[in-house]
Amino acid sequence: MDKQETYDILNDLYETYQYLLTKLEHTREFLDAASDPLVEFEKEKVMDIVSSITARHDEIEQNLAQITELAKK
C-alpha cells in the first residue's frame, strides 16, 4: 500500500465518521421531538443498537490508537 492510498483511506474514514455524526444528530433530534413515544419493545431495540454501536466504537478507538502509534514510528 502506498502513501497516497493510505491518505485516501484515512480521508474516506473521516468522511464516513462525519456522516455517522450527522446520522447520530438526526436520530437524537428525532427521538427528542417524537410525538409518539417509543413502546418498550422499541426502547429495547434502540438500546441494543446503541450497545452494538458502542462496542464497535471501542474497537475503532483501539484501531485508531494502533494507527497513531504506527504513524509515529
PDB file of N, CA and C in Angstrom:
ATOM      1  N   MET A   1       0.860  -1.170   0.000  1.00  0.00           N
ATOM      2  CA  MET A   1       0.000   0.000   0.000  1.00  0.00           C
ATOM      3  C   MET A   1       0.904   1.231   0.000  1.00  0.00           C
ATOM      4  N   ASP A   2       0.627   2.161  -0.883  1.00  0.00           N
ATOM      5  CA  ASP A   2       1.468   3.358  -0.927  1.00  0.00           C
ATOM      6  C   ASP A   2       0.883   4.462  -0.047  1.00  0.00           C
ATOM      7  N   LYS A   3       1.656   5.514   0.111  1.00  0.00           N
ATOM      8  CA  LYS A   3       1.254   6.604   0.997  1.00  0.00           C
ATOM      9  C   LYS A   3      -0.039   7.261   0.541  1.00  0.00           C
ATOM     10  N   GLN A   4      -0.186   7.506  -0.769  1.00  0.00           N
ATOM     11  CA  GLN A   4      -1.391   8.176  -1.256  1.00  0.00           C
ATOM     12  C   GLN A   4      -2.634   7.335  -0.980  1.00  0.00           C
ATOM     13  N   GLU A   5      -2.513   6.036  -1.149  1.00  0.00           N
ATOM     14  CA  GLU A   5      -3.650   5.154  -0.868  1.00  0.00           C
ATOM     15  C   GLU A   5      -4.008   5.216   0.622  1.00  0.00           C
ATOM     16  N   THR A   6      -2.995   5.284   1.461  1.00  0.00           N
ATOM     17  CA  THR A   6      -3.226   5.410   2.906  1.00  0.00           C
ATOM     18  C   THR A   6      -3.955   6.708   3.223  1.00  0.00           C
ATOM     19  N   TYR A   7      -3.507   7.805   2.628  1.00  0.00           N
ATOM     20  CA  TYR A   7      -4.177   9.099   2.853  1.00  0.00           C
ATOM     21  C   TYR A   7      -5.622   9.046   2.359  1.00  0.00           C
ATOM     22  N   ASP A   8      -5.837   8.436   1.206  1.00  0.00           N
ATOM     23  CA  ASP A   8      -7.186   8.333   0.649  1.00  0.00           C
ATOM     24  C   ASP A   8      -8.103   7.535   1.579  1.00  0.00           C
ATOM     25  N   ILE A   9      -7.573   6.443   2.108  1.00  0.00           N
ATOM     26  CA  ILE A   9      -8.363   5.620   3.033  1.00  0.00           C
ATOM     27  C   ILE A   9      -8.701   6.401   4.295  1.00  0.00           C
ATOM     28  N   LEU A  10      -7.721   7.111   4.836  1.00  0.00           N
ATOM     29  CA  LEU A  10      -7.974   7.901   6.040  1.00  0.00           C
ATOM     30  C   LEU A  10      -8.974   9.023   5.776  1.00  0.00           C
ATOM     31  N   ASN A  11      -8.879   9.664   4.614  1.00  0.00           N
ATOM     32  CA  ASN A  11      -9.852  10.703   4.276  1.00  0.00           C
ATOM     33  C   ASN A  11     -11.256  10.119   4.120  1.00  0.00           C
ATOM     34  N   ASP A  12     -11.360   8.941   3.507  1.00  0.00           N
ATOM     35  CA  ASP A  12     -12.655   8.264   3.410  1.00  0.00           C
ATOM     36  C   ASP A  12     -13.203   7.942   4.797  1.00  0.00           C
ATOM     37  N   LEU A  13     -12.318   7.481   5.674  1.00  0.00           N
ATOM     38  CA  LEU A  13     -12.717   7.178   7.042  1.00  0.00           C
ATOM     39  C   LEU A  13     -13.256   8.426   7.738  1.00  0.00           C
ATOM     40  N   TYR A  14     -12.572   9.534   7.570  1.00  0.00           N
ATOM     41  CA  TYR A  14     -13.012  10.788   8.183  1.00  0.00           C
ATOM     42  C   TYR A  14     -14.377  11.205   7.646  1.00  0.00           C
ATOM     43  N   GLU A  15     -14.563  11.116   6.339  1.00  0.00           N
ATOM     44  CA  GLU A  15     -15.855  11.484   5.740  1.00  0.00           C
ATOM     45  C   GLU A  15     -16.964  10.573   6.247  1.00  0.00           C
ATOM     46  N   THR A  16     -16.658   9.303   6.394  1.00  0.00           N
ATOM     47  CA  THR A  16     -17.641   8.364   6.927  1.00  0.00           C
ATOM     48  C   THR A  16     -17.992   8.717   8.369  1.00  0.00           C
ATOM     49  N   TYR A  17     -16.998   9.079   9.143  1.00  0.00           N
ATOM     50  CA  TYR A  17     -17.213   9.464  10.528  1.00  0.00           C
ATOM     51  C   TYR A  17     -18.104  10.710  10.606  1.00  0.00           C
ATOM     52  N   GLN A  18     -17.849  11.681   9.726  1.00  0.00           N
ATOM     53  CA  GLN A  18     -18.690  12.880   9.679  1.00  0.00           C
ATOM     54  C   GLN A  18     -20.136  12.509   9.345  1.00  0.00           C
ATOM     55  N   TYR A  19     -20.304  11.592   8.402  1.00  0.00           N
ATOM     56  CA  TYR A  19     -21.632  11.112   8.017  1.00  0.00           C
ATOM     57  C   TYR A  19     -22.327  10.457   9.219  1.00  0.00           C
ATOM     58  N   LEU A  20     -21.593   9.638   9.957  1.00  0.00           N
ATOM     59  CA  LEU A  20     -22.159   8.978  11.133  1.00  0.00           C
ATOM     60  C   LEU A  20     -22.560   9.988  12.204  1.00  0.00           C
ATOM     61  N   LEU A  21     -21.746  11.004  12.403  1.00  0.00           N
ATOM     62  CA  LEU A  21     -22.091  12.044  13.378  1.00  0.00           C
ATOM     63  C   LEU A  21     -23.380  12.759  12.983  1.00  0.00           C
ATOM     64  N   THR A  22     -23.537  12.999  11.695  1.00  0.00           N
ATOM     65  CA  THR A  22     -24.779  13.618  11.202  1.00  0.00           C
ATOM     66  C   THR A  22     -25.965  12.703  11.464  1.00  0.00           C
ATOM     67  N   LYS A  23     -25.810  11.414  11.194  1.00  0.00           N
ATOM     68  CA  LYS A  23     -26.885  10.447  11.445  1.00  0.00           C
ATOM     69  C   LYS A  23     -27.240  10.384  12.927  1.00  0.00           C
ATOM     70  N   LEU A  24     -26.226  10.434  13.782  1.00  0.00           N
ATOM     71  CA  LEU A  24     -26.485  10.429  15.223  1.00  0.00           C
ATOM     72  C   LEU A  24     -27.274  11.666  15.642  1.00  0.00           C
ATOM     73  N   GLU A  25     -26.906  12.805  15.109  1.00  0.00           N
ATOM     74  CA  GLU A  25     -27.626  14.045  15.431  1.00  0.00           C
ATOM     75  C   GLU A  25     -29.080  13.969  14.975  1.00  0.00           C
ATOM     76  N   HIS A  26     -29.311  13.448  13.776  1.00  0.00           N
ATOM     77  CA  HIS A  26     -30.676  13.312  13.269  1.00  0.00           C
ATOM     78  C   HIS A  26     -31.482  12.367  14.150  1.00  0.00           C
ATOM     79  N   THR A  27     -30.862  11.281  14.578  1.00  0.00           N
ATOM     80  CA  THR A  27     -31.542  10.322  15.452  1.00  0.00           C
ATOM     81  C   THR A  27     -31.883  10.963  16.784  1.00  0.00           C
ATOM     82  N   ARG A  28     -30.935  11.690  17.353  1.00  0.00           N
ATOM     83  CA  ARG A  28     -31.172  12.381  18.621  1.00  0.00           C
ATOM     84  C   ARG A  28     -32.322  13.376  18.485  1.00  0.00           C
ATOM     85  N   GLU A  29     -32.311  14.156  17.412  1.00  0.00           N
ATOM     86  CA  GLU A  29     -33.381  15.128  17.182  1.00  0.00           C
ATOM     87  C   GLU A  29     -34.724  14.438  17.020  1.00  0.00           C
ATOM     88  N   PHE A  30     -34.748  13.335  16.292  1.00  0.00           N
ATOM     89  CA  PHE A  30     -35.995  12.596  16.089  1.00  0.00           C
ATOM     90  C   PHE A  30     -36.546  12.078  17.419  1.00  0.00           C
ATOM     91  N   LEU A  31     -35.671  11.450  18.221  1.00  0.00           N
ATOM     92  CA  LEU A  31     -36.131  10.905  19.493  1.00  0.00           C
ATOM     93  C   LEU A  31     -36.548  12.006  20.459  1.00  0.00           C
ATOM     94  N   ASP A  32     -35.870  13.131  20.405  1.00  0.00           N
ATOM     95  CA  ASP A  32     -36.197  14.245  21.292  1.00  0.00           C
ATOM     96  C   ASP A  32     -37.537  14.872  20.936  1.00  0.00           C
ATOM     97  N   ALA A  33     -37.847  14.944  19.652  1.00  0.00           N
ATOM     98  CA  ALA A  33     -39.062  15.629  19.202  1.00  0.00           C
ATOM     99  C   ALA A  33     -40.216  14.671  18.896  1.00  0.00           C
ATOM    100  N   ALA A  34     -40.020  13.396  19.154  1.00  0.00           N
ATOM    101  CA  ALA A  34     -41.044  12.408  18.801  1.00  0.00           C
ATOM    102  C   ALA A  34     -42.343  12.686  19.550  1.00  0.00           C
ATOM    103  N   SER A  35     -43.421  12.777  18.800  1.00  0.00           N
ATOM    104  CA  SER A  35     -44.726  12.989  19.421  1.00  0.00           C
ATOM    105  C   SER A  35     -45.342  11.660  19.852  1.00  0.00           C
ATOM    106  N   ASP A  36     -44.830  10.579  19.293  1.00  0.00           N
ATOM    107  CA  ASP A  36     -45.294   9.231  19.613  1.00  0.00           C
ATOM    108  C   ASP A  36     -44.166   8.520  20.352  1.00  0.00           C
ATOM    109  N   PRO A  37     -44.245   8.435  21.688  1.00  0.00           N
ATOM    110  CA  PRO A  37     -43.136   7.839  22.437  1.00  0.00           C
ATOM    111  C   PRO A  37     -42.912   6.368  22.074  1.00  0.00           C
ATOM    112  N   LEU A  38     -41.678   5.930  22.249  1.00  0.00           N
ATOM    113  CA  LEU A  38     -41.342   4.550  21.954  1.00  0.00           C
ATOM    114  C   LEU A  38     -42.001   3.613  22.970  1.00  0.00           C
ATOM    115  N   VAL A  39     -42.490   2.498  22.473  1.00  0.00           N
ATOM    116  CA  VAL A  39     -43.007   1.463  23.372  1.00  0.00           C
ATOM    117  C   VAL A  39     -41.820   0.645  23.869  1.00  0.00           C
ATOM    118  N   GLU A  40     -42.045  -0.203  24.846  1.00  0.00           N
ATOM    119  CA  GLU A  40     -40.946  -0.938  25.484  1.00  0.00           C
ATOM    120  C   GLU A  40     -40.113  -1.732  24.488  1.00  0.00           C
ATOM    121  N   PHE A  41     -40.743  -2.424  23.551  1.00  0.00           N
ATOM    122  CA  PHE A  41     -40.020  -3.199  22.548  1.00  0.00           C
ATOM    123  C   PHE A  41     -39.105  -2.291  21.726  1.00  0.00           C
ATOM    124  N   GLU A  42     -39.605  -1.128  21.346  1.00  0.00           N
ATOM    125  CA  GLU A  42     -38.801  -0.194  20.546  1.00  0.00           C
ATOM    126  C   GLU A  42     -37.631   0.358  21.355  1.00  0.00           C
ATOM    127  N   LYS A  43     -37.877   0.619  22.635  1.00  0.00           N
ATOM    128  CA  LYS A  43     -36.794   1.087  23.505  1.00  0.00           C
ATOM    129  C   LYS A  43     -35.689   0.052  23.584  1.00  0.00           C
ATOM    130  N   GLU A  44     -36.075  -1.207  23.762  1.00  0.00           N
ATOM    131  CA  GLU A  44     -35.091  -2.281  23.836  1.00  0.00           C
ATOM    132  C   GLU A  44     -34.310  -2.398  22.533  1.00  0.00           C
ATOM    133  N   LYS A  45     -35.015  -2.250  21.418  1.00  0.00           N
ATOM    134  CA  LYS A  45     -34.359  -2.330  20.112  1.00  0.00           C
ATOM    135  C   LYS A  45     -33.335  -1.204  19.952  1.00  0.00           C
ATOM    136  N   VAL A  46     -33.722   0.011  20.329  1.00  0.00           N
ATOM    137  CA  VAL A  46     -32.816   1.158  20.261  1.00  0.00           C
ATOM    138  C   VAL A  46     -31.599   0.915  21.152  1.00  0.00           C
ATOM    139  N   MET A  47     -31.832   0.417  22.366  1.00  0.00           N
ATOM    140  CA  MET A  47     -30.728   0.188  23.299  1.00  0.00           C
ATOM    141  C   MET A  47     -29.792  -0.907  22.778  1.00  0.00           C
ATOM    142  N   ASP A  48     -30.335  -1.938  22.139  1.00  0.00           N
ATOM    143  CA  ASP A  48     -29.498  -2.988  21.560  1.00  0.00           C
ATOM    144  C   ASP A  48     -28.607  -2.429  20.450  1.00  0.00           C
ATOM    145  N   ILE A  49     -29.188  -1.592  19.616  1.00  0.00           N
ATOM    146  CA  ILE A  49     -28.424  -0.995  18.515  1.00  0.00           C
ATOM    147  C   ILE A  49     -27.342  -0.071  19.070  1.00  0.00           C
ATOM    148  N   VAL A  50     -27.708   0.747  20.054  1.00  0.00           N
ATOM    149  CA  VAL A  50     -26.738   1.662  20.658  1.00  0.00           C
ATOM    150  C   VAL A  50     -25.609   0.868  21.318  1.00  0.00           C
ATOM    151  N   SER A  51     -25.947  -0.215  21.985  1.00  0.00           N
ATOM    152  CA  SER A  51     -24.937  -1.057  22.620  1.00  0.00           C
ATOM    153  C   SER A  51     -23.971  -1.634  21.580  1.00  0.00           C
ATOM    154  N   SER A  52     -24.500  -2.087  20.458  1.00  0.00           N
ATOM    155  CA  SER A  52     -23.655  -2.623  19.384  1.00  0.00           C
ATOM    156  C   SER A  52     -22.755  -1.543  18.803  1.00  0.00           C
ATOM    157  N   ILE A  53     -23.307  -0.356  18.617  1.00  0.00           N
ATOM    158  CA  ILE A  53     -22.520   0.766  18.092  1.00  0.00           C
ATOM    159  C   ILE A  53     -21.407   1.120  19.069  1.00  0.00           C
ATOM    160  N   THR A  54     -21.709   1.137  20.354  1.00  0.00           N
ATOM    161  CA  THR A  54     -20.717   1.467  21.372  1.00  0.00           C
ATOM    162  C   THR A  54     -19.573   0.459  21.354  1.00  0.00           C
ATOM    163  N   ALA A  55     -19.905  -0.808  21.216  1.00  0.00           N
ATOM    164  CA  ALA A  55     -18.869  -1.842  21.158  1.00  0.00           C
ATOM    165  C   ALA A  55     -17.974  -1.636  19.939  1.00  0.00           C
ATOM    166  N   ARG A  56     -18.578  -1.327  18.808  1.00  0.00           N
ATOM    167  CA  ARG A  56     -17.784  -1.084  17.594  1.00  0.00           C
ATOM    168  C   ARG A  56     -16.952   0.176  17.749  1.00  0.00           C
ATOM    169  N   HIS A  57     -17.497   1.173  18.423  1.00  0.00           N
ATOM    170  CA  HIS A  57     -16.764   2.414  18.648  1.00  0.00           C
ATOM    171  C   HIS A  57     -15.495   2.137  19.457  1.00  0.00           C
ATOM    172  N   ASP A  58     -15.628   1.305  20.490  1.00  0.00           N
ATOM    173  CA  ASP A  58     -14.459   0.953  21.294  1.00  0.00           C
ATOM    174  C   ASP A  58     -13.406   0.253  20.436  1.00  0.00           C
ATOM    175  N   GLU A  59     -13.861  -0.608  19.547  1.00  0.00           N
ATOM    176  CA  GLU A  59     -12.955  -1.304  18.634  1.00  0.00           C
ATOM    177  C   GLU A  59     -12.262  -0.310  17.698  1.00  0.00           C
ATOM    178  N   ILE A  60     -13.007   0.649  17.203  1.00  0.00           N
ATOM    179  CA  ILE A  60     -12.447   1.677  16.319  1.00  0.00           C
ATOM    180  C   ILE A  60     -11.407   2.502  17.071  1.00  0.00           C
ATOM    181  N   GLU A  61     -11.712   2.856  18.325  1.00  0.00           N
ATOM    182  CA  GLU A  61     -10.752   3.630  19.117  1.00  0.00           C
ATOM    183  C   GLU A  61      -9.435   2.879  19.273  1.00  0.00           C
ATOM    184  N   GLN A  62      -9.509   1.576  19.514  1.00  0.00           N
ATOM    185  CA  GLN A  62      -8.294   0.779  19.652  1.00  0.00           C
ATOM    186  C   GLN A  62      -7.505   0.766  18.342  1.00  0.00           C
ATOM    187  N   ASN A  63      -8.220   0.609  17.229  1.00  0.00           N
ATOM    188  CA  ASN A  63      -7.549   0.610  15.930  1.00  0.00           C
ATOM    189  C   ASN A  63      -6.905   1.955  15.629  1.00  0.00           C
ATOM    190  N   LEU A  64      -7.582   3.027  15.975  1.00  0.00           N
ATOM    191  CA  LEU A  64      -7.010   4.361  15.751  1.00  0.00           C
ATOM    192  C   LEU A  64      -5.773   4.578  16.608  1.00  0.00           C
ATOM    193  N   ALA A  65      -5.773   4.049  17.819  1.00  0.00           N
ATOM    194  CA  ALA A  65      -4.598   4.154  18.678  1.00  0.00           C
ATOM    195  C   ALA A  65      -3.425   3.402  18.045  1.00  0.00           C
ATOM    196  N   GLN A  66      -3.696   2.239  17.478  1.00  0.00           N
ATOM    197  CA  GLN A  66      -2.644   1.478  16.801  1.00  0.00           C
ATOM    198  C   GLN A  66      -2.111   2.243  15.591  1.00  0.00           C
ATOM    199  N   ILE A  67      -3.014   2.841  14.823  1.00  0.00           N
ATOM    200  CA  ILE A  67      -2.603   3.626  13.651  1.00  0.00           C
ATOM    201  C   ILE A  67      -1.750   4.806  14.082  1.00  0.00           C
ATOM    202  N   THR A  68      -2.142   5.451  15.167  1.00  0.00           N
ATOM    203  CA  THR A  68      -1.378   6.577  15.692  1.00  0.00           C
ATOM    204  C   THR A  68       0.040   6.144  16.062  1.00  0.00           C
ATOM    205  N   GLU A  69       0.155   5.023  16.746  1.00  0.00           N
ATOM    206  CA  GLU A  69       1.476   4.517  17.128  1.00  0.00           C
ATOM    207  C   GLU A  69       2.314   4.158  15.904  1.00  0.00           C
ATOM    208  N   LEU A  70       1.692   3.532  14.909  1.00  0.00           N
ATOM    209  CA  LEU A  70       2.419   3.184  13.684  1.00  0.00           C
ATOM    210  C   LEU A  70       2.898   4.439  12.950  1.00  0.00           C
ATOM    211  N   ALA A  71       2.074   5.465  12.948  1.00  0.00           N
ATOM    212  CA  ALA A  71       2.439   6.706  12.246  1.00  0.00           C
ATOM    213  C   ALA A  71       3.590   7.424  12.942  1.00  0.00           C
ATOM    214  N   LYS A  72       3.734   7.216  14.234  1.00  0.00           N
ATOM    215  CA  LYS A  72       4.811   7.875  14.989  1.00  0.00           C
ATOM    216  C   LYS A  72       6.171   7.220  14.784  1.00  0.00           C
ATOM    217  N   LYS A  73       6.168   5.993  14.271  1.00  0.00           N
ATOM    218  CA  LYS A  73       7.445   5.257  14.097  1.00  0.00           C
ATOM    219  C   LYS A  73       8.343   5.926  13.090  1.00  0.00           C
TER     220      LYS A  73
END
